[in-house]
Amino acid sequence: MLLITCPHCGPRAQAEFVYERTVDSVVPPDADPALAMELLFTRANPRGLDEEIWRHTYGCRAWLVMTRHRATHAIQDVRAVGPEALP
């Protein structure tokens, strides 16, 4: 289990969080349907660092972007995004 440091709540167990998707798979509202399908369903899945979107669902409910190594699962950075982000 990962220990994720929420910017608002501090270190918490992974069980409090829900994984959403990688940042590069977010589809812009005005995207062409073919591009949207490619972003949503085509993955290169490389080893190394990747940015992922998580939600602290069973805590402060903030949306987070986590930079995590795909092979080792080492977390490099966690930052809040959206209306819950700290100024």
N, C-alpha and C. Protein backbone atom coordinates (compact mmCIF):
# COMPACT_ATOMS: atom_id res chain seq x y z
N MET A 1 0.85 -1.17 0.00
CA MET A 1 0.00 0.00 0.00
C MET A 1 0.90 1.24 0.00
N LEU A 2 0.48 2.25 -0.75
CA LEU A 2 1.22 3.51 -0.80
C LEU A 2 0.85 4.39 0.38
N LEU A 3 1.80 5.22 0.79
CA LEU A 3 1.55 6.26 1.77
C LEU A 3 1.58 7.57 0.99
N ILE A 4 0.42 8.19 0.84
CA ILE A 4 0.28 9.40 0.02
C ILE A 4 0.17 10.60 0.94
N THR A 5 0.99 11.62 0.69
CA THR A 5 0.94 12.84 1.50
C THR A 5 0.01 13.84 0.87
N CYS A 6 -1.18 13.98 1.44
CA CYS A 6 -2.15 14.95 0.97
C CYS A 6 -1.68 16.35 1.38
N PRO A 7 -1.74 17.34 0.48
CA PRO A 7 -1.31 18.70 0.84
C PRO A 7 -2.14 19.31 1.98
N HIS A 8 -3.35 18.80 2.19
CA HIS A 8 -4.22 19.34 3.23
C HIS A 8 -4.20 18.51 4.51
N CYS A 9 -4.13 17.19 4.39
CA CYS A 9 -4.30 16.29 5.53
C CYS A 9 -3.03 15.62 6.02
N GLY A 10 -1.95 15.70 5.24
CA GLY A 10 -0.72 15.02 5.60
C GLY A 10 -0.70 13.59 5.10
N PRO A 11 0.24 12.77 5.61
CA PRO A 11 0.38 11.39 5.13
C PRO A 11 -0.87 10.55 5.46
N ARG A 12 -1.36 9.84 4.43
CA ARG A 12 -2.55 9.00 4.58
C ARG A 12 -2.36 7.72 3.77
N ALA A 13 -3.09 6.68 4.15
CA ALA A 13 -3.03 5.40 3.44
C ALA A 13 -3.69 5.52 2.07
N GLN A 14 -3.21 4.74 1.13
CA GLN A 14 -3.75 4.74 -0.22
C GLN A 14 -5.24 4.42 -0.24
N ALA A 15 -5.72 3.68 0.73
CA ALA A 15 -7.14 3.29 0.79
C ALA A 15 -8.08 4.49 0.87
N GLU A 16 -7.57 5.65 1.31
CA GLU A 16 -8.40 6.86 1.38
C GLU A 16 -8.54 7.55 0.02
N PHE A 17 -7.75 7.15 -0.96
CA PHE A 17 -7.69 7.82 -2.25
C PHE A 17 -8.27 6.95 -3.35
N VAL A 18 -8.73 7.59 -4.41
CA VAL A 18 -9.23 6.88 -5.59
C VAL A 18 -8.46 7.40 -6.80
N TYR A 19 -7.87 6.45 -7.56
CA TYR A 19 -7.16 6.79 -8.78
C TYR A 19 -8.17 7.11 -9.87
N GLU A 20 -7.92 8.19 -10.61
CA GLU A 20 -8.82 8.57 -11.70
C GLU A 20 -8.23 8.23 -13.06
N ARG A 21 -7.12 8.85 -13.42
CA ARG A 21 -6.50 8.63 -14.73
C ARG A 21 -5.17 9.37 -14.80
N THR A 22 -4.42 9.17 -15.88
CA THR A 22 -3.20 9.93 -16.08
C THR A 22 -3.55 11.31 -16.62
N VAL A 23 -2.71 12.28 -16.34
CA VAL A 23 -2.97 13.66 -16.78
C VAL A 23 -3.03 13.75 -18.30
N ASP A 24 -2.17 12.98 -18.99
CA ASP A 24 -2.14 13.08 -20.45
C ASP A 24 -3.36 12.46 -21.14
N SER A 25 -4.25 11.81 -20.38
CA SER A 25 -5.45 11.24 -20.98
C SER A 25 -6.69 12.12 -20.80
N VAL A 26 -6.50 13.31 -20.25
CA VAL A 26 -7.62 14.24 -20.09
C VAL A 26 -7.97 14.84 -21.45
N VAL A 27 -9.24 14.78 -21.81
CA VAL A 27 -9.69 15.24 -23.13
C VAL A 27 -10.23 16.66 -23.03
N PRO A 28 -9.69 17.59 -23.84
CA PRO A 28 -10.24 18.95 -23.85
C PRO A 28 -11.68 18.95 -24.36
N PRO A 29 -12.53 19.85 -23.87
CA PRO A 29 -13.94 19.86 -24.28
C PRO A 29 -14.16 20.03 -25.79
N ASP A 30 -13.25 20.74 -26.46
CA ASP A 30 -13.43 20.99 -27.89
C ASP A 30 -12.62 20.03 -28.76
N ALA A 31 -12.20 18.89 -28.21
CA ALA A 31 -11.35 17.95 -28.95
C ALA A 31 -12.13 17.24 -30.05
N ASP A 32 -11.45 16.97 -31.13
CA ASP A 32 -11.98 16.16 -32.22
C ASP A 32 -12.28 14.76 -31.68
N PRO A 33 -13.39 14.13 -32.08
CA PRO A 33 -13.72 12.80 -31.56
C PRO A 33 -12.61 11.76 -31.74
N ALA A 34 -11.89 11.80 -32.85
CA ALA A 34 -10.80 10.84 -33.06
C ALA A 34 -9.68 11.06 -32.05
N LEU A 35 -9.35 12.32 -31.78
CA LEU A 35 -8.33 12.64 -30.78
C LEU A 35 -8.80 12.22 -29.39
N ALA A 36 -10.07 12.45 -29.09
CA ALA A 36 -10.63 12.05 -27.80
C ALA A 36 -10.50 10.55 -27.59
N MET A 37 -10.83 9.77 -28.60
CA MET A 37 -10.72 8.31 -28.49
C MET A 37 -9.26 7.88 -28.29
N GLU A 38 -8.35 8.54 -28.99
CA GLU A 38 -6.93 8.21 -28.85
C GLU A 38 -6.43 8.53 -27.44
N LEU A 39 -6.80 9.71 -26.94
CA LEU A 39 -6.36 10.09 -25.59
C LEU A 39 -6.93 9.17 -24.52
N LEU A 40 -8.17 8.76 -24.68
CA LEU A 40 -8.82 7.94 -23.67
C LEU A 40 -8.38 6.48 -23.69
N PHE A 41 -8.13 5.92 -24.86
CA PHE A 41 -7.96 4.48 -24.95
C PHE A 41 -6.61 3.99 -25.46
N THR A 42 -5.70 4.88 -25.86
CA THR A 42 -4.39 4.47 -26.34
C THR A 42 -3.34 4.86 -25.30
N ARG A 43 -2.60 3.86 -24.81
CA ARG A 43 -1.60 4.11 -23.77
C ARG A 43 -0.24 3.57 -24.21
N ALA A 44 0.80 4.34 -24.02
CA ALA A 44 2.16 3.86 -24.28
C ALA A 44 2.67 3.09 -23.07
N ASN A 45 2.23 3.48 -21.87
CA ASN A 45 2.60 2.85 -20.60
C ASN A 45 4.11 2.71 -20.42
N PRO A 46 4.85 3.80 -20.58
CA PRO A 46 6.31 3.71 -20.43
C PRO A 46 6.72 3.60 -18.96
N ARG A 47 7.89 3.05 -18.72
CA ARG A 47 8.44 3.07 -17.36
C ARG A 47 8.93 4.47 -17.09
N GLY A 48 8.99 4.83 -15.84
CA GLY A 48 9.47 6.15 -15.45
C GLY A 48 8.37 6.95 -14.79
N LEU A 49 8.62 8.24 -14.63
CA LEU A 49 7.69 9.12 -13.94
C LEU A 49 6.47 9.41 -14.80
N ASP A 50 5.33 9.49 -14.13
CA ASP A 50 4.09 9.84 -14.82
C ASP A 50 3.23 10.65 -13.86
N GLU A 51 2.44 11.56 -14.41
CA GLU A 51 1.52 12.35 -13.59
C GLU A 51 0.14 11.70 -13.65
N GLU A 52 -0.43 11.50 -12.46
CA GLU A 52 -1.73 10.84 -12.35
C GLU A 52 -2.69 11.71 -11.55
N ILE A 53 -3.96 11.60 -11.86
CA ILE A 53 -4.99 12.33 -11.12
C ILE A 53 -5.61 11.39 -10.10
N TRP A 54 -5.63 11.81 -8.85
CA TRP A 54 -6.21 11.05 -7.75
C TRP A 54 -7.19 11.96 -7.01
N ARG A 55 -8.09 11.37 -6.23
CA ARG A 55 -8.99 12.15 -5.39
C ARG A 55 -8.93 11.60 -3.97
N HIS A 56 -8.82 12.49 -3.00
CA HIS A 56 -8.81 12.09 -1.59
C HIS A 56 -10.26 11.90 -1.16
N THR A 57 -10.87 10.88 -1.69
CA THR A 57 -12.30 10.63 -1.54
C THR A 57 -12.74 10.45 -0.10
N TYR A 58 -11.96 9.70 0.68
CA TYR A 58 -12.35 9.41 2.07
C TYR A 58 -11.58 10.29 3.06
N GLY A 59 -11.24 11.50 2.62
CA GLY A 59 -10.56 12.49 3.44
C GLY A 59 -11.14 13.85 3.14
N CYS A 60 -10.30 14.76 2.68
CA CYS A 60 -10.73 16.14 2.42
C CYS A 60 -11.44 16.30 1.07
N ARG A 61 -11.47 15.23 0.25
CA ARG A 61 -12.14 15.19 -1.05
C ARG A 61 -11.46 16.05 -2.13
N ALA A 62 -10.23 16.47 -1.89
CA ALA A 62 -9.50 17.29 -2.85
C ALA A 62 -9.03 16.44 -4.04
N TRP A 63 -8.96 17.08 -5.21
CA TRP A 63 -8.37 16.47 -6.40
C TRP A 63 -6.87 16.72 -6.34
N LEU A 64 -6.07 15.71 -6.67
CA LEU A 64 -4.62 15.81 -6.57
C LEU A 64 -3.97 15.33 -7.86
N VAL A 65 -2.81 15.90 -8.16
CA VAL A 65 -1.96 15.38 -9.23
C VAL A 65 -0.72 14.81 -8.55
N MET A 66 -0.51 13.52 -8.76
CA MET A 66 0.62 12.83 -8.14
C MET A 66 1.63 12.46 -9.22
N THR A 67 2.90 12.78 -8.99
CA THR A 67 3.97 12.34 -9.86
C THR A 67 4.55 11.08 -9.24
N ARG A 68 4.38 9.94 -9.95
CA ARG A 68 4.75 8.63 -9.40
C ARG A 68 5.52 7.84 -10.44
N HIS A 69 6.53 7.09 -9.98
CA HIS A 69 7.31 6.24 -10.87
C HIS A 69 6.51 4.97 -11.13
N ARG A 70 6.32 4.63 -12.39
CA ARG A 70 5.47 3.49 -12.75
C ARG A 70 6.04 2.14 -12.34
N ALA A 71 7.35 2.01 -12.31
CA ALA A 71 7.95 0.71 -11.99
C ALA A 71 8.16 0.53 -10.49
N THR A 72 8.61 1.58 -9.80
CA THR A 72 8.92 1.45 -8.37
C THR A 72 7.79 1.94 -7.47
N HIS A 73 6.84 2.66 -8.02
CA HIS A 73 5.72 3.28 -7.30
C HIS A 73 6.17 4.38 -6.34
N ALA A 74 7.42 4.82 -6.43
CA ALA A 74 7.91 5.90 -5.58
C ALA A 74 7.21 7.20 -5.96
N ILE A 75 6.68 7.88 -4.96
CA ILE A 75 5.97 9.14 -5.18
C ILE A 75 6.95 10.29 -5.07
N GLN A 76 7.04 11.10 -6.13
CA GLN A 76 7.96 12.22 -6.15
C GLN A 76 7.29 13.52 -5.68
N ASP A 77 6.01 13.70 -6.04
CA ASP A 77 5.34 14.95 -5.72
C ASP A 77 3.83 14.73 -5.69
N VAL A 78 3.14 15.47 -4.81
CA VAL A 78 1.68 15.46 -4.77
C VAL A 78 1.25 16.92 -4.62
N ARG A 79 0.36 17.36 -5.52
CA ARG A 79 -0.13 18.74 -5.41
C ARG A 79 -1.63 18.77 -5.64
N ALA A 80 -2.30 19.68 -4.93
CA ALA A 80 -3.73 19.85 -5.09
C ALA A 80 -4.00 20.64 -6.37
N VAL A 81 -5.12 20.31 -7.02
CA VAL A 81 -5.55 21.02 -8.21
C VAL A 81 -7.04 21.36 -8.05
N GLY A 82 -7.50 22.28 -8.88
CA GLY A 82 -8.91 22.64 -8.81
C GLY A 82 -9.19 23.64 -7.70
N PRO A 83 -10.44 23.75 -7.29
CA PRO A 83 -10.83 24.76 -6.30
C PRO A 83 -10.20 24.52 -4.93
N GLU A 84 -9.76 23.27 -4.64
CA GLU A 84 -9.16 22.97 -3.35
C GLU A 84 -7.69 23.32 -3.27
N ALA A 85 -7.09 23.72 -4.40
CA ALA A 85 -5.64 23.98 -4.43
C ALA A 85 -5.29 25.17 -3.53
N LEU A 86 -4.18 25.02 -2.85
CA LEU A 86 -3.70 26.11 -2.00
C LEU A 86 -3.11 27.21 -2.88
N PRO A 87 -3.30 28.48 -2.51
CA PRO A 87 -2.75 29.57 -3.34
C PRO A 87 -1.24 29.62 -3.29
